[in-house]
C-alpha atoms as a PDB file:
ATOM      1  CA  UNK A   1      21.228 -25.284  24.133  1.00  0.00           C
ATOM      2  CA  UNK A   2      20.760 -25.975  20.428  1.00  0.00           C
ATOM      3  CA  UNK A   3      17.316 -27.330  19.644  1.00  0.00           C
ATOM      4  CA  UNK A   4      17.483 -30.789  18.065  1.00  0.00           C
ATOM      5  CA  UNK A   5      15.577 -31.555  14.889  1.00  0.00           C
ATOM      6  CA  UNK A   6      12.057 -32.408  16.056  1.00  0.00           C
ATOM      7  CA  UNK A   7      11.186 -35.007  13.427  1.00  0.00           C
ATOM      8  CA  UNK A   8       7.662 -35.533  14.745  1.00  0.00           C
ATOM      9  CA  UNK A   9       6.894 -31.815  14.626  1.00  0.00           C
ATOM     10  CA  UNK A  10       8.303 -31.531  11.117  1.00  0.00           C
ATOM     11  CA  UNK A  11       6.335 -34.542   9.894  1.00  0.00           C
ATOM     12  CA  UNK A  12       3.082 -33.397  11.510  1.00  0.00           C
ATOM     13  CA  UNK A  13       3.431 -29.906  10.012  1.00  0.00           C
ATOM     14  CA  UNK A  14       4.238 -31.288   6.572  1.00  0.00           C
ATOM     15  CA  UNK A  15       1.241 -33.612   6.662  1.00  0.00           C
ATOM     16  CA  UNK A  16      -1.038 -30.691   7.573  1.00  0.00           C
ATOM     17  CA  UNK A  17       0.203 -28.754   4.548  1.00  0.00           C
ATOM     18  CA  UNK A  18      -0.148 -31.702   2.190  1.00  0.00           C
ATOM     19  CA  UNK A  19      -3.720 -32.137   3.431  1.00  0.00           C
ATOM     20  CA  UNK A  20      -4.429 -28.553   2.310  1.00  0.00           C
ATOM     21  CA  UNK A  21      -3.613 -29.384  -1.310  1.00  0.00           C
ATOM     22  CA  UNK A  22      -7.277 -30.067  -2.146  1.00  0.00           C
ATOM     23  CA  UNK A  23      -8.605 -26.798  -0.646  1.00  0.00           C
ATOM     24  CA  UNK A  24      -5.899 -24.793  -2.411  1.00  0.00           C
ATOM     25  CA  UNK A  25      -6.605 -26.490  -5.736  1.00  0.00           C
ATOM     26  CA  UNK A  26     -10.340 -25.894  -5.258  1.00  0.00           C
ATOM     27  CA  UNK A  27      -9.638 -22.172  -4.853  1.00  0.00           C
ATOM     28  CA  UNK A  28      -7.509 -22.270  -8.006  1.00  0.00           C
ATOM     29  CA  UNK A  29     -10.368 -23.871  -9.940  1.00  0.00           C
ATOM     30  CA  UNK A  30     -12.878 -21.320  -8.655  1.00  0.00           C
ATOM     31  CA  UNK A  31     -10.789 -18.269  -9.513  1.00  0.00           C
ATOM     32  CA  UNK A  32     -10.003 -19.721 -12.945  1.00  0.00           C
ATOM     33  CA  UNK A  33     -13.696 -20.249 -13.581  1.00  0.00           C
ATOM     34  CA  UNK A  34     -14.374 -16.690 -12.477  1.00  0.00           C
ATOM     35  CA  UNK A  35     -11.605 -15.379 -14.726  1.00  0.00           C
ATOM     36  CA  UNK A  36      -8.756 -12.930 -14.163  1.00  0.00           C
ATOM     37  CA  UNK A  37      -6.282 -10.974 -16.283  1.00  0.00           C
ATOM     38  CA  UNK A  38      -3.277 -10.765 -13.965  1.00  0.00           C
ATOM     39  CA  UNK A  39      -1.975 -11.951 -10.596  1.00  0.00           C
ATOM     40  CA  UNK A  40      -0.715  -9.688  -7.818  1.00  0.00           C
ATOM     41  CA  UNK A  41       1.324 -11.032  -4.912  1.00  0.00           C
ATOM     42  CA  UNK A  42       1.371  -8.617  -1.994  1.00  0.00           C
ATOM     43  CA  UNK A  43       1.952  -8.767   1.757  1.00  0.00           C
ATOM     44  CA  UNK A  44       4.228  -7.071   4.258  1.00  0.00           C
ATOM     45  CA  UNK A  45       7.814  -7.887   5.191  1.00  0.00           C
ATOM     46  CA  UNK A  46       8.820 -11.526   5.221  1.00  0.00           C
ATOM     47  CA  UNK A  47       5.390 -12.579   3.999  1.00  0.00           C
ATOM     48  CA  UNK A  48       5.948 -10.737   0.718  1.00  0.00           C
ATOM     49  CA  UNK A  49       9.356 -12.396   0.464  1.00  0.00           C
ATOM     50  CA  UNK A  50       7.645 -15.773   0.910  1.00  0.00           C
ATOM     51  CA  UNK A  51       5.278 -15.001  -1.980  1.00  0.00           C
ATOM     52  CA  UNK A  52       8.034 -13.803  -4.316  1.00  0.00           C
ATOM     53  CA  UNK A  53       8.973 -17.326  -5.509  1.00  0.00           C
ATOM     54  CA  UNK A  54       5.484 -17.820  -6.903  1.00  0.00           C
ATOM     55  CA  UNK A  55       5.607 -14.596  -8.860  1.00  0.00           C
ATOM     56  CA  UNK A  56       8.959 -15.783 -10.221  1.00  0.00           C
ATOM     57  CA  UNK A  57       7.433 -19.168 -11.014  1.00  0.00           C
ATOM     58  CA  UNK A  58       4.718 -17.494 -13.067  1.00  0.00           C
ATOM     59  CA  UNK A  59       7.173 -15.220 -14.872  1.00  0.00           C
ATOM     60  CA  UNK A  60       9.208 -18.248 -15.953  1.00  0.00           C
ATOM     61  CA  UNK A  61       6.362 -20.630 -16.771  1.00  0.00           C
ATOM     62  CA  UNK A  62       3.314 -18.560 -17.697  1.00  0.00           C
ATOM     63  CA  UNK A  63       2.058 -15.886 -20.061  1.00  0.00           C
ATOM     64  CA  UNK A  64      -0.326 -14.654 -17.372  1.00  0.00           C
ATOM     65  CA  UNK A  65       1.065 -11.309 -16.123  1.00  0.00           C
ATOM     66  CA  UNK A  66       2.254 -11.520 -12.504  1.00  0.00           C
ATOM     67  CA  UNK A  67       3.774  -8.857 -10.271  1.00  0.00           C
ATOM     68  CA  UNK A  68       4.538  -8.017  -6.650  1.00  0.00           C
ATOM     69  CA  UNK A  69       3.812  -4.856  -4.685  1.00  0.00           C
ATOM     70  CA  UNK A  70       4.728  -3.602  -1.215  1.00  0.00           C
ATOM     71  CA  UNK A  71       1.363  -2.830   0.457  1.00  0.00           C
ATOM     72  CA  UNK A  72       2.250   0.554   1.968  1.00  0.00           C
ATOM     73  CA  UNK A  73       3.540   1.885  -1.341  1.00  0.00           C
ATOM     74  CA  UNK A  74       0.720   0.357  -3.386  1.00  0.00           C
ATOM     75  CA  UNK A  75      -1.917   2.120  -1.324  1.00  0.00           C
ATOM     76  CA  UNK A  76      -0.147   5.451  -1.826  1.00  0.00           C
ATOM     77  CA  UNK A  77       0.664   5.205  -5.536  1.00  0.00           C
ATOM     78  CA  UNK A  78      -1.930   2.779  -6.819  1.00  0.00           C
ATOM     79  CA  UNK A  79      -1.325   0.572  -9.845  1.00  0.00           C
ATOM     80  CA  UNK A  80      -3.265   0.914 -13.086  1.00  0.00           C
ATOM     81  CA  UNK A  81      -2.989  -2.843 -13.655  1.00  0.00           C
ATOM     82  CA  UNK A  82      -5.228  -3.560 -10.673  1.00  0.00           C
ATOM     83  CA  UNK A  83      -8.872  -3.961 -11.662  1.00  0.00           C
ATOM     84  CA  UNK A  84     -11.782  -6.248 -10.893  1.00  0.00           C
ATOM     85  CA  UNK A  85      -9.920  -8.748 -13.098  1.00  0.00           C
ATOM     86  CA  UNK A  86      -6.906  -8.894 -10.755  1.00  0.00           C
ATOM     87  CA  UNK A  87      -6.292 -11.972  -8.662  1.00  0.00           C
ATOM     88  CA  UNK A  88      -4.528 -10.835  -5.467  1.00  0.00           C
ATOM     89  CA  UNK A  89      -2.699 -13.376  -3.310  1.00  0.00           C
ATOM     90  CA  UNK A  90      -1.834 -12.408   0.277  1.00  0.00           C
ATOM     91  CA  UNK A  91      -0.400 -14.196   3.287  1.00  0.00           C
ATOM     92  CA  UNK A  92       0.088 -13.441   6.982  1.00  0.00           C
ATOM     93  CA  UNK A  93       0.907 -15.898   9.725  1.00  0.00           C
ATOM     94  CA  UNK A  94      -0.886 -13.810  12.343  1.00  0.00           C
ATOM     95  CA  UNK A  95      -3.602 -12.708   9.943  1.00  0.00           C
ATOM     96  CA  UNK A  96      -3.583  -9.259  11.526  1.00  0.00           C
ATOM     97  CA  UNK A  97      -0.470  -7.596  10.049  1.00  0.00           C
ATOM     98  CA  UNK A  98      -1.590  -3.981   9.706  1.00  0.00           C
ATOM     99  CA  UNK A  99      -0.286  -3.289   6.199  1.00  0.00           C
ATOM    100  CA  UNK A 100      -1.526  -6.634   4.861  1.00  0.00           C
ATOM    101  CA  UNK A 101      -5.011  -6.220   6.293  1.00  0.00           C
ATOM    102  CA  UNK A 102      -5.153  -2.627   5.010  1.00  0.00           C
ATOM    103  CA  UNK A 103      -4.124  -3.581   1.487  1.00  0.00           C
ATOM    104  CA  UNK A 104      -6.628  -6.450   1.485  1.00  0.00           C
ATOM    105  CA  UNK A 105      -9.396  -3.937   2.205  1.00  0.00           C
ATOM    106  CA  UNK A 106      -7.975  -1.568  -0.432  1.00  0.00           C
ATOM    107  CA  UNK A 107      -7.938  -4.354  -3.033  1.00  0.00           C
ATOM    108  CA  UNK A 108     -11.509  -5.360  -2.245  1.00  0.00           C
ATOM    109  CA  UNK A 109     -12.565  -1.741  -2.810  1.00  0.00           C
ATOM    110  CA  UNK A 110     -10.920  -1.959  -6.249  1.00  0.00           C
ATOM    111  CA  UNK A 111     -12.958  -5.086  -6.983  1.00  0.00           C
ATOM    112  CA  UNK A 112      -9.974  -7.446  -7.043  1.00  0.00           C
ATOM    113  CA  UNK A 113     -10.360 -11.130  -6.199  1.00  0.00           C
ATOM    114  CA  UNK A 114      -8.559 -11.679  -2.883  1.00  0.00           C
ATOM    115  CA  UNK A 115      -7.066 -15.033  -1.874  1.00  0.00           C
ATOM    116  CA  UNK A 116      -5.511 -15.255   1.591  1.00  0.00           C
ATOM    117  CA  UNK A 117      -3.375 -17.759   3.464  1.00  0.00           C
ATOM    118  CA  UNK A 118      -3.226 -17.332   7.243  1.00  0.00           C
ATOM    119  CA  UNK A 119      -2.081 -19.134  10.335  1.00  0.00           C
ATOM    120  CA  UNK A 120      -5.089 -17.930  12.314  1.00  0.00           C
ATOM    121  CA  UNK A 121      -8.723 -18.818  11.731  1.00  0.00           C
ATOM    122  CA  UNK A 122     -11.199 -15.905  11.709  1.00  0.00           C
ATOM    123  CA  UNK A 123      -8.319 -13.435  11.539  1.00  0.00           C
ATOM    124  CA  UNK A 124      -8.993 -10.002   9.996  1.00  0.00           C
ATOM    125  CA  UNK A 125      -7.290 -11.091   6.771  1.00  0.00           C
ATOM    126  CA  UNK A 126      -9.388 -14.244   6.490  1.00  0.00           C
ATOM    127  CA  UNK A 127     -12.574 -12.280   7.120  1.00  0.00           C
ATOM    128  CA  UNK A 128     -11.778  -9.848   4.288  1.00  0.00           C
ATOM    129  CA  UNK A 129     -10.687 -12.383   1.678  1.00  0.00           C
ATOM    130  CA  UNK A 130     -12.951 -13.881  -0.958  1.00  0.00           C
ATOM    131  CA  UNK A 131     -11.152 -17.202  -0.582  1.00  0.00           C
ATOM    132  CA  UNK A 132      -8.885 -18.349   2.239  1.00  0.00           C
ATOM    133  CA  UNK A 133      -6.989 -21.274   3.698  1.00  0.00           C
ATOM    134  CA  UNK A 134      -5.884 -21.496   7.334  1.00  0.00           C
ATOM    135  CA  UNK A 135      -2.725 -23.509   7.933  1.00  0.00           C
ATOM    136  CA  UNK A 136      -2.400 -23.144  11.706  1.00  0.00           C
ATOM    137  CA  UNK A 137       1.124 -23.798  12.973  1.00  0.00           C
ATOM    138  CA  UNK A 138       2.175 -25.905   9.971  1.00  0.00           C
ATOM    139  CA  UNK A 139       5.529 -25.072   8.395  1.00  0.00           C
ATOM    140  CA  UNK A 140       6.794 -24.201   5.809  1.00  0.00           C
ATOM    141  CA  UNK A 141       3.445 -22.571   5.070  1.00  0.00           C
ATOM    142  CA  UNK A 142       4.628 -20.888   1.863  1.00  0.00           C
ATOM    143  CA  UNK A 143       4.473 -24.327   0.242  1.00  0.00           C
ATOM    144  CA  UNK A 144       0.736 -23.714  -0.147  1.00  0.00           C
ATOM    145  CA  UNK A 145       1.476 -21.268  -2.951  1.00  0.00           C
ATOM    146  CA  UNK A 146       2.787 -24.161  -5.050  1.00  0.00           C
ATOM    147  CA  UNK A 147      -0.626 -25.800  -4.974  1.00  0.00           C
ATOM    148  CA  UNK A 148      -2.453 -22.581  -5.845  1.00  0.00           C
ATOM    149  CA  UNK A 149      -0.153 -21.367  -8.613  1.00  0.00           C
ATOM    150  CA  UNK A 150       0.610 -24.846  -9.901  1.00  0.00           C
ATOM    151  CA  UNK A 151      -3.068 -25.649 -10.390  1.00  0.00           C
ATOM    152  CA  UNK A 152      -3.725 -22.272 -12.023  1.00  0.00           C
ATOM    153  CA  UNK A 153      -0.924 -22.955 -14.499  1.00  0.00           C
ATOM    154  CA  UNK A 154      -2.208 -26.472 -15.122  1.00  0.00           C
ATOM    155  CA  UNK A 155      -5.669 -25.070 -15.858  1.00  0.00           C
ATOM    156  CA  UNK A 156      -4.050 -22.619 -18.293  1.00  0.00           C
ATOM    157  CA  UNK A 157      -2.287 -25.487 -20.080  1.00  0.00           C
ATOM    158  CA  UNK A 158       1.119 -24.221 -18.918  1.00  0.00           C
ATOM    159  CA  UNK A 159       2.062 -26.889 -16.359  1.00  0.00           C
ATOM    160  CA  UNK A 160       0.780 -30.244 -17.647  1.00  0.00           C
ATOM    161  CA  UNK A 161       2.980 -32.162 -15.188  1.00  0.00           C
ATOM    162  CA  UNK A 162       1.606 -30.344 -12.159  1.00  0.00           C
ATOM    163  CA  UNK A 163      -0.251 -33.357 -10.768  1.00  0.00           C
ATOM    164  CA  UNK A 164       2.899 -35.497 -10.928  1.00  0.00           C
ATOM    165  CA  UNK A 165       4.837 -32.827  -9.025  1.00  0.00           C
ATOM    166  CA  UNK A 166       2.084 -32.274  -6.455  1.00  0.00           C
ATOM    167  CA  UNK A 167       1.766 -36.030  -5.872  1.00  0.00           C
ATOM    168  CA  UNK A 168       5.490 -36.194  -5.135  1.00  0.00           C
ATOM    169  CA  UNK A 169       5.068 -33.535  -2.445  1.00  0.00           C
ATOM    170  CA  UNK A 170       3.158 -36.099  -0.387  1.00  0.00           C
ATOM    171  CA  UNK A 171       6.680 -37.014   0.706  1.00  0.00           C
ATOM    172  CA  UNK A 172       7.220 -33.506   2.127  1.00  0.00           C
ATOM    173  CA  UNK A 173       7.894 -34.513   5.721  1.00  0.00           C
ATOM    174  CA  UNK A 174      10.719 -36.869   4.784  1.00  0.00           C
ATOM    175  CA  UNK A 175      12.113 -34.220   2.404  1.00  0.00           C
ATOM    176  CA  UNK A 176      12.196 -31.555   5.124  1.00  0.00           C
ATOM    177  CA  UNK A 177      13.757 -33.832   7.726  1.00  0.00           C
ATOM    178  CA  UNK A 178      16.474 -34.852   5.286  1.00  0.00           C
ATOM    179  CA  UNK A 179      17.050 -31.184   4.381  1.00  0.00           C
ATOM    180  CA  UNK A 180      17.492 -30.242   8.042  1.00  0.00           C
ATOM    181  CA  UNK A 181      20.025 -33.037   8.487  1.00  0.00           C
ATOM    182  CA  UNK A 182      21.858 -32.088   5.289  1.00  0.00           C
ATOM    183  CA  UNK A 183      22.045 -28.462   6.495  1.00  0.00           C
ATOM    184  CA  UNK A 184      23.976 -29.075   9.700  1.00  0.00           C
ATOM    185  CA  UNK A 185      27.423 -28.710   8.162  1.00  0.00           C
ATOM    186  CA  UNK A 186      26.758 -25.413   6.360  1.00  0.00           C
ATOM    187  CA  UNK A 187      24.941 -24.040   9.422  1.00  0.00           C
ATOM    188  CA  UNK A 188      27.965 -24.825  11.595  1.00  0.00           C
ATOM    189  CA  UNK A 189      30.275 -23.264   9.008  1.00  0.00           C
ATOM    190  CA  UNK A 190      28.253 -20.048   9.038  1.00  0.00           C
ATOM    191  CA  UNK A 191      28.020 -19.685  12.819  1.00  0.00           C
ATOM    192  CA  UNK A 192      31.749 -20.363  13.208  1.00  0.00           C
ATOM    193  CA  UNK A 193      32.273 -16.765  12.027  1.00  0.00           C
ATOM    194  CA  UNK A 194      30.329 -15.505  15.072  1.00  0.00           C
ATOM    195  CA  UNK A 195      32.118 -17.484  17.751  1.00  0.00           C
ATOM    196  CA  UNK A 196      33.404 -15.880  19.908  1.00  0.00           C
ATOM    197  CA  UNK A 197      32.971 -12.420  18.287  1.00  0.00           C
ATOM    198  CA  UNK A 198      30.128 -11.156  16.077  1.00  0.00           C
ATOM    199  CA  UNK A 199      30.709 -10.012  12.525  1.00  0.00           C
ATOM    200  CA  UNK A 200      30.274  -6.246  12.225  1.00  0.00           C
ATOM    201  CA  UNK A 201      28.902  -6.554   8.687  1.00  0.00           C
ATOM    202  CA  UNK A 202      27.862  -9.335   6.326  1.00  0.00           C
ATOM    203  CA  UNK A 203      26.547  -9.620   2.764  1.00  0.00           C
ATOM    204  CA  UNK A 204      23.765 -11.946   1.612  1.00  0.00           C
ATOM    205  CA  UNK A 205      22.993 -12.461  -2.055  1.00  0.00           C
ATOM    206  CA  UNK A 206      20.817 -14.655  -4.263  1.00  0.00           C
ATOM    207  CA  UNK A 207      18.563 -14.587  -7.307  1.00  0.00           C
ATOM    208  CA  UNK A 208      15.498 -15.964  -9.035  1.00  0.00           C
ATOM    209  CA  UNK A 209      12.918 -17.845  -7.025  1.00  0.00           C
ATOM    210  CA  UNK A 210      15.225 -18.113  -3.988  1.00  0.00           C
ATOM    211  CA  UNK A 211      15.980 -14.385  -3.766  1.00  0.00           C
ATOM    212  CA  UNK A 212      12.891 -13.631  -1.664  1.00  0.00           C
ATOM    213  CA  UNK A 213      13.926 -16.019   1.093  1.00  0.00           C
ATOM    214  CA  UNK A 214      17.516 -14.773   1.054  1.00  0.00           C
ATOM    215  CA  UNK A 215      16.271 -11.212   1.439  1.00  0.00           C
ATOM    216  CA  UNK A 216      14.018 -12.416   4.265  1.00  0.00           C
ATOM    217  CA  UNK A 217      16.888 -14.201   6.001  1.00  0.00           C
ATOM    218  CA  UNK A 218      18.904 -10.979   5.945  1.00  0.00           C
ATOM    219  CA  UNK A 219      16.078  -8.639   6.971  1.00  0.00           C
ATOM    220  CA  UNK A 220      13.590 -10.636   9.043  1.00  0.00           C
ATOM    221  CA  UNK A 221      16.058 -12.912  10.805  1.00  0.00           C
ATOM    222  CA  UNK A 222      19.531 -11.402  10.996  1.00  0.00           C
ATOM    223  CA  UNK A 223      18.438  -7.771  11.350  1.00  0.00           C
ATOM    224  CA  UNK A 224      15.100  -8.100  13.121  1.00  0.00           C
ATOM    225  CA  UNK A 225      15.725 -11.145  15.301  1.00  0.00           C
ATOM    226  CA  UNK A 226      19.493 -11.060  15.774  1.00  0.00           C
ATOM    227  CA  UNK A 227      20.294  -7.317  15.461  1.00  0.00           C
ATOM    228  CA  UNK A 228      23.176  -7.925  13.062  1.00  0.00           C
ATOM    229  CA  UNK A 229      24.175  -5.393  10.382  1.00  0.00           C
ATOM    230  CA  UNK A 230      23.382  -7.152   7.132  1.00  0.00           C
ATOM    231  CA  UNK A 231      23.372  -6.155   3.472  1.00  0.00           C
ATOM    232  CA  UNK A 232      21.069  -8.082   1.132  1.00  0.00           C
ATOM    233  CA  UNK A 233      21.656  -7.637  -2.593  1.00  0.00           C
ATOM    234  CA  UNK A 234      20.364  -9.481  -5.641  1.00  0.00           C
ATOM    235  CA  UNK A 235      23.102 -11.422  -7.434  1.00  0.00           C
ATOM    236  CA  UNK A 236      22.326  -9.551 -10.651  1.00  0.00           C
ATOM    237  CA  UNK A 237      23.020  -6.251  -8.836  1.00  0.00           C
ATOM    238  CA  UNK A 238      25.979  -7.392  -6.769  1.00  0.00           C
ATOM    239  CA  UNK A 239      28.467  -5.957  -9.267  1.00  0.00           C
ATOM    240  CA  UNK A 240      26.864  -2.512  -9.217  1.00  0.00           C
ATOM    241  CA  UNK A 241      28.072  -1.304  -5.841  1.00  0.00           C
ATOM    242  CA  UNK A 242      28.230  -4.041  -3.234  1.00  0.00           C
ATOM    243  CA  UNK A 243      31.320  -5.716  -4.680  1.00  0.00           C
ATOM    244  CA  UNK A 244      33.368  -2.766  -3.376  1.00  0.00           C
ATOM    245  CA  UNK A 245      32.459  -3.747   0.195  1.00  0.00           C
ATOM    246  CA  UNK A 246      34.052  -7.182  -0.087  1.00  0.00           C
ATOM    247  CA  UNK A 247      37.330  -7.642   1.779  1.00  0.00           C
ATOM    248  CA  UNK A 248      39.391 -10.511   3.158  1.00  0.00           C
ATOM    249  CA  UNK A 249      37.384 -10.727   6.400  1.00  0.00           C
ATOM    250  CA  UNK A 250      33.964  -9.716   5.079  1.00  0.00           C
ATOM    251  CA  UNK A 251      31.463 -12.556   5.315  1.00  0.00           C
ATOM    252  CA  UNK A 252      29.652 -13.209   2.007  1.00  0.00           C
ATOM    253  CA  UNK A 253      26.729 -15.646   1.953  1.00  0.00           C
ATOM    254  CA  UNK A 254      25.096 -16.922  -1.226  1.00  0.00           C
ATOM    255  CA  UNK A 255      21.699 -18.641  -1.336  1.00  0.00           C
ATOM    256  CA  UNK A 256      21.490 -20.817  -4.450  1.00  0.00           C
ATOM    257  CA  UNK A 257      18.542 -22.570  -5.976  1.00  0.00           C
ATOM    258  CA  UNK A 258      18.424 -24.689  -9.103  1.00  0.00           C
ATOM    259  CA  UNK A 259      16.468 -22.477 -11.463  1.00  0.00           C
ATOM    260  CA  UNK A 260      17.520 -20.523 -14.549  1.00  0.00           C
ATOM    261  CA  UNK A 261      19.246 -17.722 -12.573  1.00  0.00           C
ATOM    262  CA  UNK A 262      21.815 -20.028 -10.997  1.00  0.00           C
ATOM    263  CA  UNK A 263      24.652 -18.656 -13.214  1.00  0.00           C
ATOM    264  CA  UNK A 264      24.142 -15.232 -11.583  1.00  0.00           C
ATOM    265  CA  UNK A 265      24.928 -16.738  -8.186  1.00  0.00           C
ATOM    266  CA  UNK A 266      27.894 -18.656  -9.569  1.00  0.00           C
ATOM    267  CA  UNK A 267      29.372 -15.394 -10.850  1.00  0.00           C
ATOM    268  CA  UNK A 268      29.216 -13.904  -7.345  1.00  0.00           C
ATOM    269  CA  UNK A 269      30.858 -17.011  -5.902  1.00  0.00           C
ATOM    270  CA  UNK A 270      33.737 -16.854  -8.374  1.00  0.00           C
ATOM    271  CA  UNK A 271      34.380 -13.242  -7.384  1.00  0.00           C
ATOM    272  CA  UNK A 272      34.043 -13.871  -3.648  1.00  0.00           C
ATOM    273  CA  UNK A 273      36.481 -16.789  -3.711  1.00  0.00           C
ATOM    274  CA  UNK A 274      39.162 -14.413  -4.964  1.00  0.00           C
ATOM    275  CA  UNK A 275      38.495 -11.546  -2.569  1.00  0.00           C
ATOM    276  CA  UNK A 276      37.327 -12.918   0.782  1.00  0.00           C
ATOM    277  CA  UNK A 277      38.288 -15.830   2.959  1.00  0.00           C
ATOM    278  CA  UNK A 278      34.801 -15.922   4.466  1.00  0.00           C
ATOM    279  CA  UNK A 279      32.364 -17.324   1.916  1.00  0.00           C
ATOM    280  CA  UNK A 280      29.396 -19.531   2.814  1.00  0.00           C
ATOM    281  CA  UNK A 281      27.227 -21.057   0.092  1.00  0.00           C
ATOM    282  CA  UNK A 282      23.754 -22.414   0.852  1.00  0.00           C
ATOM    283  CA  UNK A 283      23.071 -24.563  -2.195  1.00  0.00           C
ATOM    284  CA  UNK A 284      19.911 -26.644  -2.590  1.00  0.00           C
ATOM    285  CA  UNK A 285      21.728 -28.723  -5.190  1.00  0.00           C
ATOM    286  CA  UNK A 286      23.717 -30.316  -2.367  1.00  0.00           C
ATOM    287  CA  UNK A 287      20.514 -31.640  -0.787  1.00  0.00           C
ATOM    288  CA  UNK A 288      19.003 -35.079  -1.074  1.00  0.00           C
ATOM    289  CA  UNK A 289      15.358 -34.673  -2.094  1.00  0.00           C
ATOM    290  CA  UNK A 290      13.730 -38.120  -1.842  1.00  0.00           C
ATOM    291  CA  UNK A 291      10.933 -38.855  -4.261  1.00  0.00           C
ATOM    292  CA  UNK A 292      11.101 -35.644  -6.333  1.00  0.00           C
ATOM    293  CA  UNK A 293      12.010 -35.724 -10.036  1.00  0.00           C
ATOM    294  CA  UNK A 294      15.068 -33.753 -11.110  1.00  0.00           C
ATOM    295  CA  UNK A 295      13.011 -31.460 -13.355  1.00  0.00           C
ATOM    296  CA  UNK A 296      10.915 -30.278 -10.392  1.00  0.00           C
ATOM    297  CA  UNK A 297      13.760 -29.540  -7.969  1.00  0.00           C
ATOM    298  CA  UNK A 298      14.019 -25.865  -8.944  1.00  0.00           C
ATOM    299  CA  UNK A 299      10.368 -25.312  -8.014  1.00  0.00           C
ATOM    300  CA  UNK A 300      10.998 -26.707  -4.550  1.00  0.00           C
ATOM    301  CA  UNK A 301      14.262 -24.772  -4.083  1.00  0.00           C
ATOM    302  CA  UNK A 302      12.722 -21.831  -2.143  1.00  0.00           C
ATOM    303  CA  UNK A 303      11.094 -24.122   0.422  1.00  0.00           C
ATOM    304  CA  UNK A 304      14.283 -26.129   0.859  1.00  0.00           C
ATOM    305  CA  UNK A 305      16.536 -23.079   1.050  1.00  0.00           C
ATOM    306  CA  UNK A 306      14.381 -21.656   3.828  1.00  0.00           C
ATOM    307  CA  UNK A 307      14.738 -24.927   5.711  1.00  0.00           C
ATOM    308  CA  UNK A 308      18.523 -24.563   5.377  1.00  0.00           C
ATOM    309  CA  UNK A 309      18.273 -21.015   6.690  1.00  0.00           C
ATOM    310  CA  UNK A 310      15.992 -22.070   9.545  1.00  0.00           C
ATOM    311  CA  UNK A 311      18.468 -24.646  10.756  1.00  0.00           C
ATOM    312  CA  UNK A 312      21.219 -22.045  10.434  1.00  0.00           C
ATOM    313  CA  UNK A 313      19.502 -19.333  12.458  1.00  0.00           C
ATOM    314  CA  UNK A 314      18.756 -21.808  15.234  1.00  0.00           C
ATOM    315  CA  UNK A 315      22.469 -22.544  15.412  1.00  0.00           C
ATOM    316  CA  UNK A 316      23.199 -18.802  15.375  1.00  0.00           C
ATOM    317  CA  UNK A 317      20.741 -17.952  18.148  1.00  0.00           C
ATOM    318  CA  UNK A 318      22.297 -20.683  20.270  1.00  0.00           C
ATOM    319  CA  UNK A 319      25.897 -19.526  19.694  1.00  0.00           C
ATOM    320  CA  UNK A 320      25.053 -15.856  20.319  1.00  0.00           C
ATOM    321  CA  UNK A 321      22.644 -16.561  23.211  1.00  0.00           C
ATOM    322  CA  UNK A 322      20.213 -14.154  21.555  1.00  0.00           C
ATOM    323  CA  UNK A 323      16.657 -15.472  21.620  1.00  0.00           C
ATOM    324  CA  UNK A 324      14.789 -15.245  18.306  1.00  0.00           C
ATOM    325  CA  UNK A 325      11.763 -13.675  20.000  1.00  0.00           C
ATOM    326  CA  UNK A 326      13.520 -10.584  21.362  1.00  0.00           C
ATOM    327  CA  UNK A 327      12.412  -7.280  19.765  1.00  0.00           C
ATOM    328  CA  UNK A 328      13.167  -3.668  20.650  1.00  0.00           C
ATOM    329  CA  UNK A 329      10.624  -1.983  18.353  1.00  0.00           C
ATOM    330  CA  UNK A 330       8.661  -4.397  16.124  1.00  0.00           C
ATOM    331  CA  UNK A 331       5.094  -4.733  17.421  1.00  0.00           C
ATOM    332  CA  UNK A 332       6.228  -3.040  20.630  1.00  0.00           C
ATOM    333  CA  UNK A 333       5.831   0.593  19.592  1.00  0.00           C
ATOM    334  CA  UNK A 334       3.469   2.600  17.412  1.00  0.00           C
ATOM    335  CA  UNK A 335       5.209   3.716  14.235  1.00  0.00           C
END
């Protein structure tokens, strides 16, 4: 049976995250006082995808160099940009993800400043980090990156309105509840393509600061948790290969935020409308965001899009009768 929106749980989780604003800002102040030349965002799997919006935020708003790396590759190839003047930001809900813990140790050996966000206190990741915040079971935990990066940019003189934006996030619980309610129609539209028969193949695309979560929806939810064959492709790359896979009954899903890359997503939509009769658009612009100024909506788009996806995959798991916790290989085998 489909799980109803638990408004109390959402509100309690949101309030926990808002309460962590001060600790996150304190870390930002400390690392700024210490000084750094660049910012690395790295973690494994969906956690890296959750950090990607903050790298994108810095690329758009800041002159401070920011980049992402996949831990397993980074530890094999290295990166000449990483020095004792690198600020490394990592996250892991469990705090014991092997690749994330390993790269945290690797970064410490390089002298980098390591900041960690974890769901578990005294986890291996927290023990390694120079600075850490534990968010417990609060969701959406990636919101914490807004406080860290936002305050860093404010300190650099690149986000003077940060405090106004952060103050408006005190309304987070109401925002998330409204987002979940606003998402019901698009979630039902999406799952209608899986009732009574699964799709053999589907395409997910997006761009900018919402691309990470769209990639995560395709990989960490639809592939890992639902065992559905899914192609994720950046909207800017859609027309270099994937367009040839579109047909009348091929499901194309577009995750849209409200940042500067929105025209890339709109181009995909125009194409898909002509060549498939199965197009679903998850657009944060359709959402009511109480208490948040228009100019800040794009910064909140990743958090809101993930809430839309979360409501959608709950609908999907219910329709398919495939529990989200079932795994065949992940954390069940050595590999």
